[in-house]
Amino acid sequence: MSKKKDNFPKTKVKNPEPKISNPDWIIWAAWADRISFEEIFEKTGKRESEVIKIMRRSLKPNSFKLWRKRVHTKSIKNRKMFAKSREKLNRQKIIDSEY
């Protein structure tokens, strides 16, 4: 007998999320824009400096440079920087709405 087909289509993801127990999860999470270093620390116990060392060992030199540049410019990878940028945006919205 054949398996019953689902009514919902399966979404194929190019890079699906690995299990947290898998060491590749840290690399996957470090590349993900919406996962902050604080969340990586909460789930794995690895600090930002340790994640950077893992990425340096795991990636090709040019890929590591691109990742560092990307992480440095994305405020969302750090909760404090993200909160500050959100606060700044909210203040700008208030100023714009007054005029």
Protein backbone atom coordinates (compact mmCIF):
# COMPACT_ATOMS: atom_id res chain seq x y z
CA MET A 1 0.00 0.00 0.00
CA SER A 2 1.12 3.52 -0.64
CA LYS A 3 1.38 6.21 2.00
CA LYS A 4 -1.41 8.70 2.37
CA LYS A 5 -0.50 11.96 0.68
CA ASP A 6 -0.59 15.17 2.67
CA ASN A 7 -3.05 17.83 1.64
CA PHE A 8 -0.39 20.46 2.20
CA PRO A 9 2.54 20.93 -0.14
CA LYS A 10 5.96 20.39 1.36
CA THR A 11 8.11 23.47 1.37
CA LYS A 12 11.59 22.72 0.16
CA VAL A 13 14.18 24.90 1.80
CA LYS A 14 17.59 25.33 0.26
CA ASN A 15 19.33 25.22 3.65
CA PRO A 16 17.01 23.61 6.21
CA GLU A 17 17.68 24.21 9.88
CA PRO A 18 19.89 21.47 11.37
CA LYS A 19 19.17 20.06 14.81
CA ILE A 20 20.64 22.06 17.71
CA SER A 21 22.66 19.00 18.78
CA ASN A 22 24.42 19.11 15.41
CA PRO A 23 27.57 21.31 15.37
CA ASP A 24 26.44 22.69 12.00
CA TRP A 25 23.58 24.44 13.80
CA ILE A 26 25.99 27.11 15.10
CA ILE A 27 27.19 27.83 11.56
CA TRP A 28 23.61 27.88 10.27
CA ALA A 29 22.49 30.21 13.08
CA ALA A 30 25.49 32.51 12.59
CA TRP A 31 24.53 32.96 8.91
CA ALA A 32 20.86 33.54 9.76
CA ASP A 33 20.05 37.24 10.05
CA ARG A 34 17.21 36.82 12.55
CA ILE A 35 19.19 34.84 15.12
CA SER A 36 21.23 37.03 17.44
CA PHE A 37 24.45 36.03 19.16
CA GLU A 38 22.55 36.16 22.45
CA GLU A 39 20.12 33.51 21.19
CA ILE A 40 23.02 31.34 20.02
CA PHE A 41 24.53 31.66 23.51
CA GLU A 42 21.23 30.76 25.19
CA LYS A 43 20.84 27.61 23.08
CA THR A 44 24.44 26.39 22.83
CA GLY A 45 26.45 28.19 25.51
CA LYS A 46 28.85 29.58 22.87
CA ARG A 47 29.72 33.26 23.18
CA GLU A 48 30.15 35.58 20.19
CA SER A 49 33.95 35.19 20.23
CA GLU A 50 33.63 31.40 20.22
CA VAL A 51 31.16 31.55 17.32
CA ILE A 52 33.62 33.73 15.41
CA LYS A 53 36.39 31.17 16.02
CA ILE A 54 34.12 28.34 14.82
CA MET A 55 33.20 30.31 11.71
CA ARG A 56 36.87 31.13 11.02
CA ARG A 57 37.77 27.42 11.21
CA SER A 58 34.76 26.23 9.19
CA LEU A 59 34.57 28.75 6.36
CA LYS A 60 36.90 29.56 3.53
CA PRO A 61 38.87 32.77 4.17
CA ASN A 62 36.87 34.88 1.72
CA SER A 63 33.54 33.50 3.01
CA PHE A 64 34.60 34.35 6.55
CA LYS A 65 35.44 37.92 5.51
CA LEU A 66 32.04 38.29 3.82
CA TRP A 67 30.29 36.88 6.90
CA ARG A 68 32.16 39.23 9.26
CA LYS A 69 31.32 42.22 7.07
CA ARG A 70 27.68 41.15 6.98
CA VAL A 71 27.48 40.58 10.74
CA HIS A 72 29.21 43.88 11.42
CA THR A 73 26.68 45.82 9.35
CA LYS A 74 23.58 43.94 10.58
CA SER A 75 22.45 45.42 13.86
CA ILE A 76 20.00 42.57 14.33
CA LYS A 77 22.79 40.11 15.22
CA ASN A 78 23.25 41.97 18.51
CA ARG A 79 20.19 42.67 20.69
CA LYS A 80 21.50 45.93 22.14
CA MET A 81 22.39 47.35 18.73
CA PHE A 82 19.03 46.19 17.38
CA ALA A 83 17.15 47.87 20.25
CA LYS A 84 19.05 51.12 19.66
CA SER A 85 18.35 51.10 15.92
CA ARG A 86 14.66 50.38 16.56
CA GLU A 87 14.48 53.23 19.07
CA LYS A 88 16.10 55.56 16.55
CA LEU A 89 13.60 54.51 13.86
CA ASN A 90 10.66 55.05 16.22
CA ARG A 91 11.90 58.53 17.12
CA GLN A 92 12.27 59.34 13.43
CA LYS A 93 8.69 58.18 12.79
CA ILE A 94 7.42 60.45 15.56
CA ILE A 95 9.33 63.43 14.18
CA ASP A 96 8.10 62.74 10.63
CA SER A 97 4.49 62.40 11.74
CA GLU A 98 4.58 65.77 13.53
CA TYR A 99 5.28 67.58 10.25
